[in-house]
Protein backbone atom coordinates (compact mmCIF):
# COMPACT_ATOMS: atom_id res chain seq x y z
CA MET A 1 7.28 20.95 -4.29
CA TYR A 2 8.47 18.86 -1.35
CA GLU A 3 12.11 19.50 -2.25
CA LEU A 4 11.67 23.22 -1.71
CA PHE A 5 9.96 22.65 1.61
CA VAL A 6 12.78 20.37 2.80
CA LEU A 7 15.46 22.83 1.72
CA GLY A 8 13.61 25.69 3.44
CA GLN A 9 13.29 23.72 6.67
CA LEU A 10 16.97 22.75 6.62
CA MET A 11 18.05 26.38 6.29
CA THR A 12 17.36 26.73 10.03
CA GLY A 13 19.47 23.70 10.97
CA ASP A 14 19.73 19.92 10.91
CA LYS A 15 16.48 18.01 11.26
CA HIS A 16 15.45 14.38 11.55
CA GLY A 17 13.15 13.05 8.86
CA TYR A 18 10.38 12.67 11.43
CA LEU A 19 10.63 16.36 12.34
CA LEU A 20 10.51 17.32 8.66
CA GLN A 21 7.40 15.21 8.23
CA GLU A 22 5.70 16.80 11.26
CA SER A 23 6.59 20.31 10.06
CA LEU A 24 5.11 19.56 6.66
CA LYS A 25 1.90 18.25 8.22
CA ARG A 26 1.53 21.52 10.14
CA ALA A 27 2.35 23.64 7.09
CA ILE A 28 -0.06 22.09 4.59
CA GLY A 29 -2.78 20.88 6.91
CA PRO A 30 -4.67 17.62 7.11
CA PHE A 31 -5.82 17.52 3.49
CA ARG A 32 -2.48 16.69 1.89
CA ARG A 33 -0.09 14.41 3.73
CA ILE A 34 3.37 13.08 3.01
CA SER A 35 4.05 9.54 4.08
CA SER A 36 7.37 8.17 5.29
CA GLY A 37 7.39 6.09 2.10
CA THR A 38 7.49 9.33 0.12
CA LEU A 39 9.67 11.49 2.36
CA TYR A 40 12.60 9.17 3.01
CA PRO A 41 13.17 8.23 -0.66
CA LEU A 42 12.92 11.96 -1.45
CA LEU A 43 15.65 12.68 1.11
CA GLY A 44 17.76 9.91 -0.44
CA ARG A 45 17.37 11.38 -3.94
CA MET A 46 18.22 14.86 -2.66
CA ALA A 47 21.35 13.48 -1.02
CA ASP A 48 22.31 11.62 -4.22
CA GLN A 49 21.97 14.88 -6.16
CA GLY A 50 24.16 16.70 -3.62
CA TRP A 51 21.40 19.01 -2.36
CA ILE A 52 21.64 17.74 1.23
CA ARG A 53 23.86 15.48 3.32
CA LEU A 54 22.43 12.63 5.36
CA ARG A 55 24.02 11.98 8.72
CA ILE A 56 23.57 8.80 10.70
CA GLU A 57 23.86 9.51 14.38
CA GLU A 58 25.88 7.24 16.59
CA GLU A 59 23.93 4.64 18.47
CA GLN A 60 23.74 5.07 22.21
CA GLU A 61 23.16 2.19 24.54
CA GLY A 62 19.62 0.85 23.97
CA ASP A 63 18.84 3.33 21.16
CA VAL A 64 18.13 2.69 17.51
CA PRO A 65 20.36 4.68 15.11
CA ALA A 66 18.57 7.72 13.67
CA LYS A 67 19.13 9.62 10.44
CA SER A 68 19.14 13.37 10.24
CA THR A 69 19.66 15.67 7.33
CA ALA A 70 21.95 18.61 6.97
């Protein structure tokens, strides 16, 4: 189920994992939540299967590197 949601969200453009998680919270409401511990391994499996590509953004001065999906 979550795979389809992620693919649907990525059809509109690249998104950070955090943004995907927030979009999912809005879509399914407060009764069913997806934790980071579920979402990020899911994104990794989808990348391993070739469904998506993960991109690590370059670190800017003072920033922590962030992952986004494409």
